[in-house]
Amino acid sequence: MGFLSKLFRRSGGGTKKYEDMFMEAHYTFKQSVEYAFKTAVEAGVKDGVFESAEAGAETLYNALIDKIEPEDKAELEKAKSRIR
């Protein structure tokens, strides 16, 4: 990413890329919910979509909670609470 694009990048972009990243990591590659969630949040922060890890965790959690399997919801809540 060039200097000007870093300077003028905006936060608040869509979460679809990071939702897909989580879903693929967990359901396709069988990574743990916590690891897949943490990786997706960190990628969103790095890309400038989320202001902070905490904000990203909250946003991504809200986007994913209705899309994941019911047995994964408790683990997703736990993963969200561990991100600071």
N, C-alpha and C. Protein backbone atom coordinates (compact mmCIF):
# COMPACT_ATOMS: atom_id res chain seq x y z
N MET A 1 0.85 -1.17 0.00
CA MET A 1 0.00 0.00 0.00
C MET A 1 0.90 1.23 0.00
N GLY A 2 0.63 2.16 -0.88
CA GLY A 2 1.44 3.35 -0.99
C GLY A 2 1.20 4.34 0.14
N PHE A 3 2.07 5.34 0.21
CA PHE A 3 2.00 6.34 1.27
C PHE A 3 0.66 7.07 1.28
N LEU A 4 0.22 7.53 0.12
CA LEU A 4 -1.02 8.30 0.08
C LEU A 4 -2.24 7.45 0.40
N SER A 5 -2.24 6.22 -0.03
CA SER A 5 -3.40 5.39 0.30
C SER A 5 -3.46 5.09 1.79
N LYS A 6 -2.30 4.96 2.45
CA LYS A 6 -2.30 4.79 3.91
C LYS A 6 -2.78 6.06 4.59
N LEU A 7 -2.36 7.19 4.06
CA LEU A 7 -2.72 8.47 4.64
C LEU A 7 -4.21 8.74 4.55
N PHE A 8 -4.82 8.37 3.43
CA PHE A 8 -6.22 8.71 3.20
C PHE A 8 -7.19 7.54 3.37
N ARG A 9 -6.71 6.43 3.86
CA ARG A 9 -7.62 5.30 4.02
C ARG A 9 -8.67 5.62 5.09
N ARG A 10 -9.83 5.04 4.90
CA ARG A 10 -10.93 5.29 5.83
C ARG A 10 -11.26 4.02 6.59
N SER A 11 -11.60 4.19 7.83
CA SER A 11 -12.07 3.03 8.60
C SER A 11 -13.57 2.90 8.38
N GLY A 12 -14.10 1.81 8.86
CA GLY A 12 -15.54 1.62 8.77
C GLY A 12 -15.99 0.92 7.50
N GLY A 13 -15.06 0.30 6.78
CA GLY A 13 -15.43 -0.45 5.59
C GLY A 13 -16.25 -1.66 5.97
N GLY A 14 -16.68 -2.38 5.00
CA GLY A 14 -17.51 -3.55 5.25
C GLY A 14 -16.77 -4.68 5.94
N THR A 15 -17.53 -5.52 6.59
CA THR A 15 -16.95 -6.64 7.33
C THR A 15 -17.00 -7.94 6.55
N LYS A 16 -17.57 -7.94 5.37
CA LYS A 16 -17.77 -9.17 4.60
C LYS A 16 -16.47 -9.97 4.42
N LYS A 17 -15.39 -9.29 4.08
CA LYS A 17 -14.11 -9.97 3.87
C LYS A 17 -13.68 -10.71 5.14
N TYR A 18 -13.89 -10.10 6.29
CA TYR A 18 -13.44 -10.68 7.56
C TYR A 18 -14.41 -11.75 8.05
N GLU A 19 -15.68 -11.60 7.72
CA GLU A 19 -16.66 -12.66 7.99
C GLU A 19 -16.27 -13.91 7.20
N ASP A 20 -15.99 -13.72 5.92
CA ASP A 20 -15.58 -14.84 5.06
C ASP A 20 -14.29 -15.47 5.55
N MET A 21 -13.36 -14.62 6.00
CA MET A 21 -12.09 -15.11 6.51
C MET A 21 -12.32 -16.03 7.72
N PHE A 22 -13.19 -15.60 8.63
CA PHE A 22 -13.51 -16.41 9.80
C PHE A 22 -14.18 -17.72 9.39
N MET A 23 -15.19 -17.62 8.55
CA MET A 23 -15.96 -18.81 8.16
C MET A 23 -15.07 -19.84 7.47
N GLU A 24 -14.21 -19.38 6.58
CA GLU A 24 -13.32 -20.30 5.89
C GLU A 24 -12.30 -20.91 6.85
N ALA A 25 -11.72 -20.09 7.71
CA ALA A 25 -10.72 -20.60 8.65
C ALA A 25 -11.32 -21.63 9.60
N HIS A 26 -12.51 -21.35 10.10
CA HIS A 26 -13.10 -22.26 11.08
C HIS A 26 -13.77 -23.48 10.43
N TYR A 27 -14.62 -23.25 9.46
CA TYR A 27 -15.41 -24.35 8.91
C TYR A 27 -14.70 -25.14 7.81
N THR A 28 -13.81 -24.50 7.07
CA THR A 28 -13.09 -25.22 6.02
C THR A 28 -11.77 -25.80 6.53
N PHE A 29 -11.00 -24.94 7.21
CA PHE A 29 -9.67 -25.36 7.66
C PHE A 29 -9.65 -25.87 9.10
N LYS A 30 -10.83 -25.89 9.74
CA LYS A 30 -11.00 -26.46 11.08
C LYS A 30 -10.14 -25.80 12.15
N GLN A 31 -9.88 -24.50 11.99
CA GLN A 31 -9.19 -23.76 13.06
C GLN A 31 -10.20 -23.53 14.18
N SER A 32 -9.68 -23.32 15.39
CA SER A 32 -10.57 -23.06 16.51
C SER A 32 -11.32 -21.74 16.30
N VAL A 33 -12.46 -21.61 16.94
CA VAL A 33 -13.25 -20.39 16.84
C VAL A 33 -12.41 -19.20 17.30
N GLU A 34 -11.74 -19.37 18.43
CA GLU A 34 -10.96 -18.27 18.99
C GLU A 34 -9.84 -17.82 18.04
N TYR A 35 -9.10 -18.77 17.49
CA TYR A 35 -8.00 -18.43 16.60
C TYR A 35 -8.51 -17.79 15.31
N ALA A 36 -9.55 -18.35 14.73
CA ALA A 36 -10.10 -17.81 13.48
C ALA A 36 -10.65 -16.40 13.70
N PHE A 37 -11.33 -16.18 14.83
CA PHE A 37 -11.89 -14.87 15.14
C PHE A 37 -10.78 -13.85 15.37
N LYS A 38 -9.79 -14.22 16.16
CA LYS A 38 -8.68 -13.31 16.45
C LYS A 38 -7.94 -12.93 15.17
N THR A 39 -7.71 -13.90 14.30
CA THR A 39 -7.02 -13.65 13.04
C THR A 39 -7.81 -12.69 12.15
N ALA A 40 -9.11 -12.88 12.07
CA ALA A 40 -9.96 -12.01 11.25
C ALA A 40 -9.99 -10.59 11.81
N VAL A 41 -10.09 -10.45 13.12
CA VAL A 41 -10.10 -9.12 13.75
C VAL A 41 -8.76 -8.42 13.51
N GLU A 42 -7.66 -9.12 13.72
CA GLU A 42 -6.34 -8.53 13.52
C GLU A 42 -6.14 -8.08 12.07
N ALA A 43 -6.63 -8.87 11.12
CA ALA A 43 -6.53 -8.49 9.71
C ALA A 43 -7.35 -7.22 9.42
N GLY A 44 -8.53 -7.12 10.02
CA GLY A 44 -9.35 -5.93 9.84
C GLY A 44 -8.72 -4.68 10.43
N VAL A 45 -8.07 -4.82 11.57
CA VAL A 45 -7.36 -3.69 12.18
C VAL A 45 -6.19 -3.29 11.30
N LYS A 46 -5.44 -4.28 10.84
CA LYS A 46 -4.28 -4.01 9.99
C LYS A 46 -4.69 -3.31 8.70
N ASP A 47 -5.82 -3.72 8.12
CA ASP A 47 -6.31 -3.12 6.88
C ASP A 47 -6.98 -1.77 7.10
N GLY A 48 -7.17 -1.38 8.35
CA GLY A 48 -7.78 -0.09 8.66
C GLY A 48 -9.29 -0.09 8.63
N VAL A 49 -9.90 -1.25 8.58
CA VAL A 49 -11.36 -1.33 8.56
C VAL A 49 -11.91 -1.11 9.96
N PHE A 50 -11.21 -1.62 10.97
CA PHE A 50 -11.61 -1.44 12.36
C PHE A 50 -10.66 -0.47 13.04
N GLU A 51 -11.21 0.42 13.85
CA GLU A 51 -10.40 1.41 14.57
C GLU A 51 -9.46 0.75 15.57
N SER A 52 -9.94 -0.27 16.25
CA SER A 52 -9.15 -0.97 17.26
C SER A 52 -9.58 -2.42 17.29
N ALA A 53 -8.81 -3.23 18.00
CA ALA A 53 -9.16 -4.65 18.11
C ALA A 53 -10.48 -4.82 18.85
N GLU A 54 -10.72 -4.03 19.89
CA GLU A 54 -11.97 -4.13 20.65
C GLU A 54 -13.17 -3.77 19.77
N ALA A 55 -13.04 -2.68 19.02
CA ALA A 55 -14.13 -2.26 18.14
C ALA A 55 -14.35 -3.29 17.04
N GLY A 56 -13.27 -3.82 16.51
CA GLY A 56 -13.37 -4.84 15.47
C GLY A 56 -14.01 -6.11 15.98
N ALA A 57 -13.65 -6.49 17.20
CA ALA A 57 -14.22 -7.70 17.80
C ALA A 57 -15.74 -7.54 17.97
N GLU A 58 -16.16 -6.40 18.44
CA GLU A 58 -17.59 -6.15 18.63
C GLU A 58 -18.33 -6.15 17.30
N THR A 59 -17.78 -5.47 16.31
CA THR A 59 -18.41 -5.38 14.99
C THR A 59 -18.48 -6.75 14.32
N LEU A 60 -17.37 -7.47 14.34
CA LEU A 60 -17.34 -8.78 13.69
C LEU A 60 -18.22 -9.79 14.43
N TYR A 61 -18.23 -9.71 15.74
CA TYR A 61 -19.11 -10.58 16.54
C TYR A 61 -20.57 -10.38 16.13
N ASN A 62 -20.99 -9.12 16.05
CA ASN A 62 -22.37 -8.82 15.68
C ASN A 62 -22.70 -9.30 14.27
N ALA A 63 -21.71 -9.25 13.38
CA ALA A 63 -21.93 -9.70 12.01
C ALA A 63 -22.01 -11.23 11.92
N LEU A 64 -21.27 -11.92 12.79
CA LEU A 64 -21.17 -13.38 12.70
C LEU A 64 -22.18 -14.15 13.53
N ILE A 65 -22.69 -13.57 14.59
CA ILE A 65 -23.45 -14.32 15.59
C ILE A 65 -24.65 -15.07 14.98
N ASP A 66 -25.29 -14.51 13.99
CA ASP A 66 -26.45 -15.17 13.38
C ASP A 66 -26.07 -16.11 12.24
N LYS A 67 -24.80 -16.11 11.85
CA LYS A 67 -24.36 -16.91 10.70
C LYS A 67 -23.65 -18.20 11.09
N ILE A 68 -23.23 -18.30 12.33
CA ILE A 68 -22.44 -19.46 12.73
C ILE A 68 -23.34 -20.56 13.30
N GLU A 69 -22.77 -21.72 13.45
CA GLU A 69 -23.49 -22.86 14.01
C GLU A 69 -23.82 -22.58 15.48
N PRO A 70 -24.97 -23.01 15.96
CA PRO A 70 -25.37 -22.75 17.36
C PRO A 70 -24.35 -23.22 18.40
N GLU A 71 -23.69 -24.34 18.14
CA GLU A 71 -22.72 -24.84 19.12
C GLU A 71 -21.45 -23.99 19.19
N ASP A 72 -21.24 -23.10 18.22
CA ASP A 72 -20.05 -22.24 18.22
C ASP A 72 -20.29 -20.88 18.88
N LYS A 73 -21.53 -20.57 19.22
CA LYS A 73 -21.85 -19.24 19.74
C LYS A 73 -21.17 -18.95 21.07
N ALA A 74 -21.12 -19.90 21.97
CA ALA A 74 -20.48 -19.69 23.27
C ALA A 74 -18.98 -19.44 23.09
N GLU A 75 -18.36 -20.18 22.19
CA GLU A 75 -16.93 -20.00 21.94
C GLU A 75 -16.66 -18.65 21.29
N LEU A 76 -17.56 -18.19 20.42
CA LEU A 76 -17.39 -16.89 19.79
C LEU A 76 -17.49 -15.78 20.84
N GLU A 77 -18.43 -15.91 21.75
CA GLU A 77 -18.56 -14.94 22.86
C GLU A 77 -17.27 -14.91 23.68
N LYS A 78 -16.74 -16.07 23.98
CA LYS A 78 -15.50 -16.18 24.75
C LYS A 78 -14.33 -15.54 23.98
N ALA A 79 -14.26 -15.79 22.69
CA ALA A 79 -13.19 -15.22 21.86
C ALA A 79 -13.29 -13.69 21.84
N LYS A 80 -14.52 -13.18 21.73
CA LYS A 80 -14.71 -11.72 21.72
C LYS A 80 -14.26 -11.11 23.03
N SER A 81 -14.56 -11.76 24.14
CA SER A 81 -14.22 -11.20 25.45
C SER A 81 -12.71 -11.20 25.70
N ARG A 82 -11.96 -12.03 25.00
CA ARG A 82 -10.51 -12.10 25.20
C ARG A 82 -9.73 -11.06 24.41
N ILE A 83 -10.37 -10.43 23.45
CA ILE A 83 -9.67 -9.43 22.64
C ILE A 83 -9.71 -8.09 23.34
N ARG A 84 -8.53 -7.52 23.50
CA ARG A 84 -8.40 -6.22 24.18
C ARG A 84 -7.57 -5.28 23.36
